[in-house]
Amino acid sequence: MKKSWKKGFALTVALTTTAFVPLAQPMSAMAKSDEVQFSKEFDTPEFIGEPFEADGLDGEDLIWSYLETYQDDFQIEGDVKEHFKLLEEVENDETNTKHYRLQEMYNGIPVFGYQQTIHVDEDGNVTSFLGQFVPNLSSDKKMSRKAKLSEEKALKQALADLEDEVGEVEEFEVEPQPEQYIYVHEGEAYLAYAIELNFLDPVPGRWMYFVDANTGDIINKYNMIDTVTGTGKGVLGDEKSFETTKQSSTSYVMRDTTRGSGIETYTTANSTRLPGTLMSDSDNYWTDGAAVDAHAYAQQTYDYYKNTHGRNSFDGNGAKIRSTVHYSRSYNNAFWNGSQMVYGDGDGRTFLPLSGALDVVAHELTHAVTERTAGLIYQNESGALNESMSDIFGAMVDDDDWLMGEDVYTPGTPGDALRSLEDPTAYGDPDHYSKRYTGSQDNGGVHTNSGINNKAAYLLAEGGTHYGVTVRGIGREDTAKIYYHALTHYLTPYSNFSAMRRAAIQAATDLFGANSEQVRSVQAAYDAVGVK
């Protein structure tokens, strides 16, 4: 019998007890193998690489049969379907594969961040499982079916705590709406409310709060607005062409209607009220460098994702991309607030106007892509992967070097940058897992520890020898394909560095074959940065 994932947790769960008969079997039978890797925290599978024959099953029938086969490993009693909800099925035409995303459920309530992905090859057989599953969720008071605390009281608790953090918030960009989840934090599982607090004043913030639905205690909180920056001609004096809209014989606006649902650029004229006023001009020759860059680079980032990865805007369905420039005064930041891009003008010393860097614009818009796909939670290792994905695709869109933000950061210091994927240590970030930051600052080192995965991506693309491991480079194009495929199909909200390695290997296998040079290089790249 497997051990409970947390000492003292009850092993009983209130579920139906219908027996099941597996309709299909793993090709390697039921014995444990190296192809089934278990979570150290929960002792449940976080990766299954054993091939699983469909035996005439497809769609949901195949998925349920597959999960039933590993039911004992997941420590599930009763009906497997009570523990998972199928969120989406995506077909990849390039690889002729199917990818399923599931959500762990407990008594009909989603378990926050605990998602799983299951992958099916062109022959209809399951090739792999990635994700995290919390077993044996107890039925004690924390896990009661009904919350003692109302949504209104939970929100009041979060707002009171937020006021201590940033001061009084009078207006929210998105109306706060508490949502009920099972929330697992530091070895405890709670019935909780998740609340997003999205605001601009007194300082921009996008805080996530988790409030105990029985006691009202704040279980966890973190701010999802990061601190990287932007691009433009603008800003650096280069001229660029971009789409606008003619409103009348003497009026043009920064609205592009040729891409998805559109790309629009606004200005707050140094206020903090979003989205501001749509940029306009009388002769269609634009002299506002920050606006020019924000608009043109948003178009360029859209084109990259559409032309390279077949993705229509950040949500995959053509969502409008809205940018606002001249936010506040001397504001040294740019951020994605969950619905749009926002750029400060910088103070001229730390930053130039932040929309002036293509890699920064692409970095921030990639946060939106990540939010709509893997949903990597912005804390600890998953948060570092979130940042790293934005750095990787910022570098891919910019495509001139492996630095981040060098065009707008510290203009008085030639060659300076925010981060380097080639050499993270040049800016104080680790380039090996053994050097990772383990403290609590910066949401658990989301910017710092991004250097580990950044270095792996650089080695994969360019090759090199690192910590005695030689990696054969496969080029930017194949590297980008692997990371995009991993991000959109394999990674889940709580993916850690080990899951990133497996996701990259599986993505390379899908795209190039199990015995390909690309797969070998992925393995070597993660060996080189100490991620197993």
Protein backbone atom coordinates (compact mmCIF):
# COMPACT_ATOMS: atom_id res chain seq x y z
CA MET A 1 0.00 0.00 0.00
CA LYS A 2 1.34 3.43 -0.90
CA LYS A 3 2.03 5.90 1.84
CA SER A 4 -0.09 8.99 2.35
CA TRP A 5 1.43 12.10 0.75
CA LYS A 6 1.28 13.91 4.07
CA LYS A 7 1.80 12.34 7.45
CA GLY A 8 -1.45 12.40 9.38
CA PHE A 9 -3.70 12.88 6.34
CA ALA A 10 -6.70 10.56 6.36
CA LEU A 11 -6.73 7.98 3.60
CA THR A 12 -10.51 7.92 3.26
CA VAL A 13 -12.39 9.85 0.60
CA ALA A 14 -16.12 10.14 -0.01
CA LEU A 15 -16.47 8.62 -3.47
CA THR A 16 -18.48 5.99 -5.25
CA THR A 17 -16.96 2.52 -5.11
CA THR A 18 -17.81 1.09 -8.48
CA ALA A 19 -15.35 -1.55 -9.63
CA PHE A 20 -13.58 -1.11 -12.94
CA VAL A 21 -12.05 -3.40 -15.52
CA PRO A 22 -9.24 -1.85 -17.56
CA LEU A 23 -10.03 -1.93 -21.26
CA ALA A 24 -6.44 -1.53 -22.31
CA GLN A 25 -3.01 -2.26 -20.88
CA PRO A 26 0.38 -0.58 -21.04
CA MET A 27 2.58 -2.41 -23.53
CA SER A 28 5.08 -3.05 -20.74
CA ALA A 29 2.34 -4.56 -18.51
CA MET A 30 1.60 -3.30 -15.02
CA ALA A 31 4.97 -3.54 -13.28
CA LYS A 32 6.74 -0.36 -12.21
CA SER A 33 9.46 0.79 -14.53
CA ASP A 34 11.79 3.71 -15.07
CA GLU A 35 9.17 5.05 -17.44
CA VAL A 36 6.89 5.89 -14.50
CA GLN A 37 8.37 8.65 -12.34
CA PHE A 38 6.75 9.54 -9.04
CA SER A 39 6.41 12.88 -7.28
CA LYS A 40 8.60 13.11 -4.19
CA GLU A 41 5.93 15.20 -2.51
CA PHE A 42 2.84 13.13 -3.28
CA ASP A 43 4.18 9.69 -4.35
CA THR A 44 1.90 9.75 -7.40
CA PRO A 45 2.99 9.69 -11.06
CA GLU A 46 4.22 13.00 -12.44
CA PHE A 47 5.49 11.43 -15.64
CA ILE A 48 4.43 8.23 -17.39
CA GLY A 49 6.35 7.32 -20.52
CA GLU A 50 5.08 3.76 -21.03
CA PRO A 51 3.29 3.35 -24.36
CA PHE A 52 -0.38 2.46 -23.94
CA GLU A 53 -2.25 0.71 -26.76
CA ALA A 54 -5.67 2.09 -27.58
CA ASP A 55 -7.28 -1.29 -28.43
CA GLY A 56 -10.00 0.38 -30.44
CA LEU A 57 -10.68 3.18 -27.94
CA ASP A 58 -10.45 6.88 -28.72
CA GLY A 59 -11.37 10.25 -27.26
CA GLU A 60 -12.60 10.33 -23.69
CA ASP A 61 -12.98 6.55 -23.55
CA LEU A 62 -9.25 6.18 -24.16
CA ILE A 63 -8.37 8.79 -21.55
CA TRP A 64 -10.51 7.22 -18.81
CA SER A 65 -9.24 3.72 -19.59
CA TYR A 66 -5.67 4.97 -19.45
CA LEU A 67 -6.17 6.65 -16.08
CA GLU A 68 -7.97 3.61 -14.69
CA THR A 69 -4.95 1.48 -15.57
CA TYR A 70 -2.79 3.62 -13.28
CA GLN A 71 -5.50 4.07 -10.64
CA ASP A 72 -3.51 2.38 -7.89
CA ASP A 73 -0.47 4.53 -8.63
CA PHE A 74 -2.63 7.65 -8.26
CA GLN A 75 -4.00 6.18 -4.99
CA ILE A 76 -7.56 6.59 -6.24
CA GLU A 77 -10.42 4.60 -4.78
CA GLY A 78 -13.70 4.35 -6.66
CA ASP A 79 -14.53 6.05 -9.95
CA VAL A 80 -11.55 7.73 -11.63
CA LYS A 81 -13.91 10.15 -13.40
CA GLU A 82 -14.77 11.72 -10.04
CA HIS A 83 -11.15 12.90 -9.70
CA PHE A 84 -10.55 14.50 -13.11
CA LYS A 85 -12.32 16.95 -15.39
CA LEU A 86 -11.41 17.00 -19.08
CA LEU A 87 -10.68 20.65 -19.95
CA GLU A 88 -9.66 20.45 -23.60
CA GLU A 89 -8.63 18.26 -26.51
CA VAL A 90 -6.23 19.76 -29.05
CA GLU A 91 -5.17 18.18 -32.34
CA ASN A 92 -1.74 19.11 -33.67
CA ASP A 93 -1.82 18.89 -37.46
CA GLU A 94 1.97 19.13 -37.80
CA THR A 95 2.63 16.01 -35.73
CA ASN A 96 -0.78 14.33 -36.18
CA THR A 97 -0.99 13.98 -32.40
CA LYS A 98 -3.73 14.74 -29.87
CA HIS A 99 -3.20 16.42 -26.50
CA TYR A 100 -5.63 16.38 -23.59
CA ARG A 101 -5.58 18.72 -20.58
CA LEU A 102 -7.32 17.67 -17.37
CA GLN A 103 -8.06 19.26 -14.01
CA GLU A 104 -7.92 17.40 -10.70
CA MET A 105 -11.27 17.55 -8.86
CA TYR A 106 -12.30 16.75 -5.30
CA ASN A 107 -16.01 16.50 -4.45
CA GLY A 108 -16.74 18.53 -7.59
CA ILE A 109 -14.31 21.32 -6.62
CA PRO A 110 -11.17 21.96 -8.70
CA VAL A 111 -7.80 21.57 -6.99
CA PHE A 112 -6.02 24.84 -7.77
CA GLY A 113 -3.12 24.49 -10.20
CA TYR A 114 -3.16 20.69 -10.31
CA GLN A 115 -3.59 19.87 -13.96
CA GLN A 116 -2.42 17.00 -16.11
CA THR A 117 -1.69 16.49 -19.80
CA ILE A 118 -2.10 13.22 -21.72
CA HIS A 119 -0.70 12.73 -25.22
CA VAL A 120 -1.79 10.47 -28.06
CA ASP A 121 0.25 9.62 -31.17
CA GLU A 122 -0.84 9.35 -34.78
CA ASP A 123 -1.78 5.68 -34.27
CA GLY A 124 -4.15 6.59 -31.46
CA ASN A 125 -1.97 5.22 -28.65
CA VAL A 126 -1.14 7.15 -25.48
CA THR A 127 2.54 8.08 -25.37
CA SER A 128 2.87 10.01 -22.13
CA PHE A 129 1.35 11.67 -19.09
CA LEU A 130 2.72 14.78 -17.35
CA GLY A 131 1.34 16.66 -14.39
CA GLN A 132 0.78 16.57 -10.67
CA PHE A 133 -1.97 14.80 -8.73
CA VAL A 134 -2.67 15.18 -5.01
CA PRO A 135 -3.95 11.91 -3.51
CA ASN A 136 -5.92 11.14 -0.36
CA LEU A 137 -7.45 14.56 0.14
CA SER A 138 -8.99 14.17 3.58
CA SER A 139 -12.55 14.91 4.64
CA ASP A 140 -11.62 16.89 7.76
CA LYS A 141 -12.78 20.43 8.45
CA LYS A 142 -10.36 21.98 5.96
CA MET A 143 -11.85 19.83 3.23
CA SER A 144 -15.52 20.20 4.15
CA ARG A 145 -17.90 20.35 1.22
CA LYS A 146 -19.39 23.68 2.26
CA ALA A 147 -17.57 26.89 3.09
CA LYS A 148 -18.33 28.55 6.42
CA LEU A 149 -17.08 31.87 5.11
CA SER A 150 -19.08 33.76 2.47
CA GLU A 151 -17.50 35.14 -0.70
CA GLU A 152 -18.09 38.67 0.58
CA LYS A 153 -16.24 38.03 3.84
CA ALA A 154 -13.37 36.31 2.03
CA LEU A 155 -13.00 39.32 -0.25
CA LYS A 156 -13.07 41.65 2.75
CA GLN A 157 -10.21 39.68 4.35
CA ALA A 158 -8.13 39.90 1.16
CA LEU A 159 -8.78 43.64 0.76
CA ALA A 160 -7.77 44.34 4.35
CA ASP A 161 -4.50 42.49 3.84
CA LEU A 162 -3.90 44.21 0.48
CA GLU A 163 -4.27 47.61 2.13
CA ASP A 164 -1.42 46.67 4.47
CA GLU A 165 0.70 45.73 1.44
CA VAL A 166 0.13 48.68 -0.92
CA GLY A 167 -2.33 51.11 0.69
CA GLU A 168 -6.00 51.66 -0.07
CA VAL A 169 -7.21 50.59 -3.52
CA GLU A 170 -10.26 52.53 -4.65
CA GLU A 171 -10.77 51.08 -8.14
CA PHE A 172 -10.10 47.69 -9.71
CA GLU A 173 -9.41 47.00 -13.39
CA VAL A 174 -11.25 43.68 -13.07
CA GLU A 175 -14.09 43.26 -10.57
CA PRO A 176 -12.79 40.91 -7.84
CA GLN A 177 -14.66 37.61 -7.85
CA PRO A 178 -13.81 34.97 -5.24
CA GLU A 179 -13.75 31.45 -6.70
CA GLN A 180 -13.81 28.29 -4.62
CA TYR A 181 -10.98 25.76 -4.91
CA ILE A 182 -9.15 23.13 -2.98
CA TYR A 183 -5.81 24.86 -2.39
CA VAL A 184 -2.68 22.92 -1.45
CA HIS A 185 0.04 24.96 0.24
CA GLU A 186 3.08 23.88 2.25
CA GLY A 187 1.82 20.36 2.90
CA GLU A 188 -1.75 21.32 3.84
CA ALA A 189 -4.92 21.18 1.77
CA TYR A 190 -7.63 23.80 2.31
CA LEU A 191 -11.08 24.60 1.08
CA ALA A 192 -10.31 28.14 -0.05
CA TYR A 193 -11.30 31.13 -2.12
CA ALA A 194 -8.92 32.29 -4.87
CA ILE A 195 -9.25 36.02 -5.49
CA GLU A 196 -7.51 38.13 -8.14
CA LEU A 197 -7.05 41.81 -7.22
CA ASN A 198 -6.10 43.81 -10.32
CA PHE A 199 -5.49 47.55 -9.93
CA LEU A 200 -3.32 50.46 -11.02
CA ASP A 201 -3.31 52.83 -8.07
CA PRO A 202 -1.56 53.51 -5.70
CA VAL A 203 0.88 51.23 -7.59
CA PRO A 204 0.05 48.72 -10.34
CA GLY A 205 -0.66 45.27 -8.95
CA ARG A 206 -2.19 41.97 -9.93
CA TRP A 207 -2.30 40.06 -6.65
CA MET A 208 -3.56 36.53 -6.11
CA TYR A 209 -5.01 35.84 -2.68
CA PHE A 210 -6.01 32.48 -1.22
CA VAL A 211 -8.35 32.78 1.75
CA ASP A 212 -9.30 29.85 3.98
CA ALA A 213 -13.03 29.31 3.36
CA ASN A 214 -13.56 28.22 6.98
CA THR A 215 -11.35 30.50 9.07
CA GLY A 216 -10.79 33.53 6.84
CA ASP A 217 -7.01 33.25 7.23
CA ILE A 218 -4.79 34.32 4.33
CA ILE A 219 -3.14 31.07 3.20
CA ASN A 220 -0.94 32.57 0.48
CA LYS A 221 -0.61 35.66 -1.69
CA TYR A 222 1.62 36.87 -4.50
CA ASN A 223 1.83 39.64 -7.08
CA MET A 224 1.78 38.52 -10.75
CA ILE A 225 2.99 41.79 -12.26
CA ASP A 226 6.68 41.41 -13.01
CA THR A 227 9.34 44.06 -13.54
CA VAL A 228 10.73 43.74 -17.05
CA THR A 229 10.47 46.34 -19.87
CA GLY A 230 9.79 47.45 -23.61
CA THR A 231 10.77 48.72 -27.42
CA GLY A 232 10.42 51.17 -30.69
CA LYS A 233 11.09 54.28 -33.64
CA GLY A 234 10.62 55.73 -32.04
CA VAL A 235 12.56 55.54 -29.04
CA LEU A 236 15.90 54.73 -30.68
CA GLY A 237 15.32 56.89 -33.76
CA ASP A 238 14.72 54.10 -36.29
CA GLU A 239 11.83 54.38 -38.73
CA LYS A 240 9.37 51.53 -39.11
CA SER A 241 6.12 50.92 -40.99
CA PHE A 242 2.95 49.59 -39.36
CA GLU A 243 -0.80 49.38 -39.96
CA THR A 244 -3.15 52.16 -38.79
CA THR A 245 -6.78 53.10 -39.57
CA LYS A 246 -7.98 56.20 -41.42
CA GLN A 247 -10.92 57.76 -39.57
CA SER A 248 -11.43 60.77 -41.84
CA SER A 249 -9.50 62.82 -44.37
CA THR A 250 -7.50 64.39 -41.56
CA SER A 251 -7.52 61.77 -38.84
CA TYR A 252 -5.73 58.45 -38.36
CA VAL A 253 -5.70 56.18 -35.30
CA MET A 254 -3.32 53.47 -34.09
CA ARG A 255 -5.68 50.62 -34.82
CA ASP A 256 -4.59 47.63 -36.91
CA THR A 257 -7.56 45.60 -38.17
CA THR A 258 -5.51 43.13 -40.22
CA ARG A 259 -4.39 40.88 -37.35
CA GLY A 260 -6.85 38.83 -35.33
CA SER A 261 -9.42 41.06 -33.62
CA GLY A 262 -7.04 43.98 -33.91
CA ILE A 263 -4.04 45.70 -32.35
CA GLU A 264 -4.62 49.07 -30.69
CA THR A 265 -2.29 51.51 -28.97
CA TYR A 266 -3.37 54.09 -26.38
CA THR A 267 -1.79 56.77 -24.21
CA THR A 268 -2.59 57.76 -20.64
CA ALA A 269 -0.62 61.01 -21.12
CA ASN A 270 1.22 60.31 -17.83
CA SER A 271 -1.92 59.45 -15.88
CA THR A 272 -2.72 55.98 -14.53
CA ARG A 273 -6.21 55.40 -15.93
CA LEU A 274 -6.35 52.56 -18.46
CA PRO A 275 -6.64 52.10 -21.31
CA GLY A 276 -6.35 55.86 -21.89
CA THR A 277 -6.96 57.56 -25.23
CA LEU A 278 -6.48 55.84 -28.57
CA MET A 279 -3.43 57.34 -30.29
CA SER A 280 -4.35 59.63 -33.20
CA ASP A 281 -2.53 61.72 -35.80
CA SER A 282 -3.44 64.11 -38.59
CA ASP A 283 -1.08 63.01 -41.38
CA ASN A 284 -0.27 59.36 -40.49
CA TYR A 285 3.38 60.22 -39.83
CA TRP A 286 3.81 59.40 -36.15
CA THR A 287 6.39 61.16 -34.01
CA ASP A 288 5.62 59.59 -30.63
CA GLY A 289 8.43 57.05 -30.42
CA ALA A 290 7.02 55.11 -27.47
CA ALA A 291 3.68 54.62 -29.25
CA VAL A 292 5.34 53.73 -32.56
CA ASP A 293 7.39 51.00 -30.91
CA ALA A 294 4.57 49.61 -28.79
CA HIS A 295 2.33 49.35 -31.85
CA ALA A 296 4.91 48.04 -34.32
CA TYR A 297 6.42 45.54 -31.89
CA ALA A 298 3.02 44.21 -30.88
CA GLN A 299 2.40 43.58 -34.59
CA GLN A 300 5.80 41.92 -34.95
CA THR A 301 5.18 39.67 -31.94
CA TYR A 302 1.73 38.74 -33.26
CA ASP A 303 3.28 37.88 -36.64
CA TYR A 304 5.95 35.72 -35.01
CA TYR A 305 3.45 33.58 -33.13
CA LYS A 306 1.09 33.37 -36.14
CA ASN A 307 3.70 32.63 -38.81
CA THR A 308 6.03 30.44 -36.73
CA HIS A 309 3.64 28.56 -34.46
CA GLY A 310 0.23 29.03 -36.08
CA ARG A 311 -1.08 30.87 -33.00
CA ASN A 312 -3.66 33.59 -33.59
CA SER A 313 -2.88 36.17 -30.87
CA PHE A 314 -2.08 35.36 -27.26
CA ASP A 315 -5.23 33.31 -26.64
CA GLY A 316 -5.05 31.38 -29.93
CA ASN A 317 -8.43 32.80 -30.98
CA GLY A 318 -7.48 36.22 -32.29
CA ALA A 319 -7.87 38.24 -29.07
CA LYS A 320 -7.37 41.97 -29.43
CA ILE A 321 -3.92 43.16 -28.37
CA ARG A 322 -4.15 46.49 -26.57
CA SER A 323 -1.13 48.54 -25.47
CA THR A 324 -0.93 51.75 -23.46
CA VAL A 325 2.13 54.02 -23.41
CA HIS A 326 3.15 57.00 -21.24
CA TYR A 327 1.81 55.33 -18.13
CA SER A 328 2.41 57.44 -15.00
CA ARG A 329 5.57 59.57 -14.77
CA SER A 330 9.15 58.31 -15.07
CA TYR A 331 7.74 54.83 -14.56
CA ASN A 332 10.50 52.21 -14.81
CA ASN A 333 8.37 49.24 -15.77
CA ALA A 334 6.21 47.50 -18.34
CA PHE A 335 3.69 44.82 -17.55
CA TRP A 336 0.87 42.59 -18.76
CA ASN A 337 -2.08 43.15 -16.41
CA GLY A 338 -4.18 40.19 -17.53
CA SER A 339 -5.91 42.02 -20.36
CA GLN A 340 -3.46 44.48 -21.93
CA MET A 341 0.12 45.74 -22.13
CA VAL A 342 1.24 48.82 -20.18
CA TYR A 343 4.51 50.75 -20.70
CA GLY A 344 6.16 53.44 -18.62
CA ASP A 345 8.48 56.08 -20.05
CA GLY A 346 11.38 55.23 -17.76
CA ASP A 347 13.34 57.85 -15.86
CA GLY A 348 16.04 58.18 -18.52
CA ARG A 349 18.67 56.65 -16.26
CA THR A 350 17.45 53.15 -15.43
CA PHE A 351 15.27 52.86 -18.53
CA LEU A 352 14.35 54.64 -21.70
CA PRO A 353 10.66 54.32 -22.66
CA LEU A 354 10.07 50.63 -22.17
CA SER A 355 8.19 49.96 -25.40
CA GLY A 356 11.49 50.64 -27.17
CA ALA A 357 12.76 47.03 -26.93
CA LEU A 358 11.29 44.30 -29.10
CA ASP A 359 12.45 41.54 -26.75
CA VAL A 360 10.67 43.23 -23.82
CA VAL A 361 7.40 43.58 -25.76
CA ALA A 362 7.61 39.93 -26.84
CA HIS A 363 8.54 38.90 -23.27
CA GLU A 364 5.43 40.55 -21.82
CA LEU A 365 3.06 39.26 -24.50
CA THR A 366 4.45 35.76 -23.93
CA HIS A 367 3.23 36.04 -20.33
CA ALA A 368 -0.24 36.27 -21.90
CA VAL A 369 0.40 33.16 -24.01
CA THR A 370 1.60 31.26 -20.93
CA GLU A 371 -1.44 32.40 -18.97
CA ARG A 372 -3.76 30.99 -21.65
CA THR A 373 -1.89 27.66 -22.00
CA ALA A 374 0.22 26.09 -19.25
CA GLY A 375 -0.86 28.69 -16.67
CA LEU A 376 2.50 28.47 -14.89
CA ILE A 377 1.91 29.77 -11.38
CA TYR A 378 4.01 32.84 -10.63
CA GLN A 379 5.90 31.48 -7.61
CA ASN A 380 8.97 29.31 -7.05
CA GLU A 381 10.06 26.95 -9.87
CA SER A 382 6.87 27.24 -11.91
CA GLY A 383 7.22 31.03 -11.74
CA ALA A 384 10.85 30.82 -12.85
CA LEU A 385 9.71 28.75 -15.84
CA ASN A 386 7.04 31.37 -16.55
CA GLU A 387 9.72 34.06 -16.65
CA SER A 388 12.08 31.86 -18.65
CA MET A 389 9.47 31.15 -21.32
CA SER A 390 9.02 34.89 -21.75
CA ASP A 391 12.78 35.39 -22.00
CA ILE A 392 13.15 32.53 -24.49
CA PHE A 393 10.46 33.83 -26.82
CA GLY A 394 11.56 37.41 -26.30
CA ALA A 395 14.94 36.33 -27.66
CA MET A 396 13.31 34.34 -30.49
CA VAL A 397 11.16 37.27 -31.66
CA ASP A 398 14.03 39.78 -31.38
CA ASP A 399 16.40 37.24 -33.01
CA ASP A 400 19.57 39.31 -32.79
CA ASP A 401 21.26 38.14 -29.58
CA TRP A 402 20.62 36.34 -26.30
CA LEU A 403 20.29 39.45 -24.12
CA MET A 404 17.09 40.85 -22.63
CA GLY A 405 16.24 44.55 -22.57
CA GLU A 406 19.62 45.79 -23.72
CA ASP A 407 18.08 48.43 -26.02
CA VAL A 408 16.38 50.38 -23.23
CA TYR A 409 18.14 49.43 -20.00
CA THR A 410 20.67 51.82 -18.40
CA PRO A 411 21.26 53.92 -21.54
CA GLY A 412 24.38 55.41 -19.97
CA THR A 413 26.05 51.98 -19.68
CA PRO A 414 26.96 50.49 -23.09
CA GLY A 415 26.40 46.74 -23.44
CA ASP A 416 24.30 46.48 -20.29
CA ALA A 417 21.16 44.32 -20.15
CA LEU A 418 18.58 42.94 -17.75
CA ARG A 419 19.49 39.28 -18.29
CA SER A 420 21.53 37.02 -20.55
CA LEU A 421 20.39 33.60 -21.71
CA GLU A 422 23.91 32.86 -22.91
CA ASP A 423 25.54 33.70 -19.57
CA PRO A 424 22.98 34.22 -16.77
CA THR A 425 25.80 34.69 -14.26
CA ALA A 426 26.81 37.94 -15.97
CA TYR A 427 23.78 39.53 -14.31
CA GLY A 428 23.81 37.55 -11.08
CA ASP A 429 21.50 34.68 -12.09
CA PRO A 430 22.29 30.96 -11.70
CA ASP A 431 23.23 28.85 -14.72
CA HIS A 432 22.94 25.49 -12.92
CA TYR A 433 20.30 23.93 -10.69
CA SER A 434 22.81 23.47 -7.88
CA LYS A 435 23.13 27.28 -7.68
CA ARG A 436 19.42 28.02 -7.55
CA TYR A 437 18.03 30.61 -5.16
CA THR A 438 15.93 28.98 -2.42
CA GLY A 439 14.68 32.02 -0.50
CA SER A 440 11.28 33.70 -0.51
CA GLN A 441 12.10 37.03 -2.17
CA ASP A 442 10.94 37.76 -5.73
CA ASN A 443 8.11 35.20 -5.35
CA GLY A 444 10.70 32.53 -4.65
CA GLY A 445 13.26 33.70 -7.22
CA VAL A 446 11.11 33.78 -10.36
CA HIS A 447 13.46 36.20 -12.15
CA THR A 448 16.69 34.83 -10.69
CA ASN A 449 16.10 31.11 -11.23
CA SER A 450 14.83 31.69 -14.76
CA GLY A 451 18.54 31.70 -15.64
CA ILE A 452 18.69 27.90 -15.23
CA ASN A 453 16.13 27.18 -17.95
CA ASN A 454 17.40 30.11 -20.03
CA LYS A 455 20.86 28.54 -20.10
CA ALA A 456 19.39 25.19 -21.15
CA ALA A 457 17.55 26.89 -24.02
CA TYR A 458 20.68 28.71 -25.14
CA LEU A 459 22.73 25.49 -25.09
CA LEU A 460 20.01 23.67 -27.01
CA ALA A 461 20.05 26.31 -29.74
CA GLU A 462 23.73 27.19 -29.92
CA GLY A 463 25.51 24.21 -28.37
CA GLY A 464 28.52 24.29 -26.09
CA THR A 465 30.13 22.60 -23.10
CA HIS A 466 28.82 23.47 -19.65
CA TYR A 467 29.79 21.79 -16.37
CA GLY A 468 31.59 19.12 -18.39
CA VAL A 469 28.55 18.26 -20.52
CA THR A 470 28.75 18.92 -24.27
CA VAL A 471 25.55 19.87 -26.06
CA ARG A 472 25.18 19.82 -29.83
CA GLY A 473 23.20 22.89 -30.91
CA ILE A 474 20.07 22.39 -33.02
CA GLY A 475 19.46 26.04 -33.97
CA ARG A 476 16.92 28.65 -32.92
CA GLU A 477 14.10 27.38 -35.14
CA ASP A 478 13.96 23.84 -33.75
CA THR A 479 14.54 25.12 -30.22
CA ALA A 480 11.57 27.48 -30.51
CA LYS A 481 9.36 24.68 -31.83
CA ILE A 482 10.26 22.47 -28.88
CA TYR A 483 9.60 25.11 -26.23
CA TYR A 484 6.33 26.24 -27.82
CA HIS A 485 5.10 22.65 -28.09
CA ALA A 486 6.10 21.99 -24.47
CA LEU A 487 4.45 25.19 -23.23
CA THR A 488 1.15 24.70 -25.02
CA HIS A 489 0.74 20.92 -24.71
CA TYR A 490 2.81 19.50 -21.85
CA LEU A 491 3.43 21.96 -19.02
CA THR A 492 0.88 22.48 -16.24
CA PRO A 493 0.46 25.21 -13.59
CA TYR A 494 2.78 23.66 -11.00
CA SER A 495 5.41 22.29 -13.39
CA ASN A 496 8.91 22.40 -11.93
CA PHE A 497 12.32 22.20 -13.62
CA SER A 498 12.21 18.41 -13.74
CA ALA A 499 8.82 18.57 -15.45
CA MET A 500 10.27 21.13 -17.90
CA ARG A 501 12.98 18.63 -18.87
CA ARG A 502 10.44 15.88 -19.48
CA ALA A 503 8.11 18.21 -21.35
CA ALA A 504 10.93 19.33 -23.65
CA ILE A 505 11.95 15.72 -24.32
CA GLN A 506 8.37 14.73 -25.10
CA ALA A 507 7.90 17.78 -27.33
CA ALA A 508 11.11 16.98 -29.24
CA THR A 509 9.96 13.37 -29.59
CA ASP A 510 6.61 14.48 -31.05
CA LEU A 511 8.24 16.89 -33.47
CA PHE A 512 11.38 15.06 -34.54
CA GLY A 513 11.17 11.43 -33.40
CA ALA A 514 12.35 9.52 -30.34
CA ASN A 515 15.80 8.78 -31.79
CA SER A 516 16.39 12.26 -33.20
CA GLU A 517 19.37 14.51 -32.67
CA GLN A 518 16.96 17.05 -31.18
CA VAL A 519 15.90 14.68 -28.39
CA ARG A 520 19.53 13.87 -27.58
CA SER A 521 20.39 17.56 -27.44
CA VAL A 522 17.47 18.33 -25.13
CA GLN A 523 18.65 15.61 -22.75
CA ALA A 524 22.20 16.92 -22.84
CA ALA A 525 21.10 20.56 -22.33
CA TYR A 526 19.25 19.70 -19.14
CA ASP A 527 22.08 17.45 -17.97
CA ALA A 528 24.38 20.44 -18.43
CA VAL A 529 22.29 22.66 -16.14
CA GLY A 530 21.83 19.91 -13.54
CA VAL A 531 18.12 19.25 -14.09
CA LYS A 532 17.14 15.58 -13.98
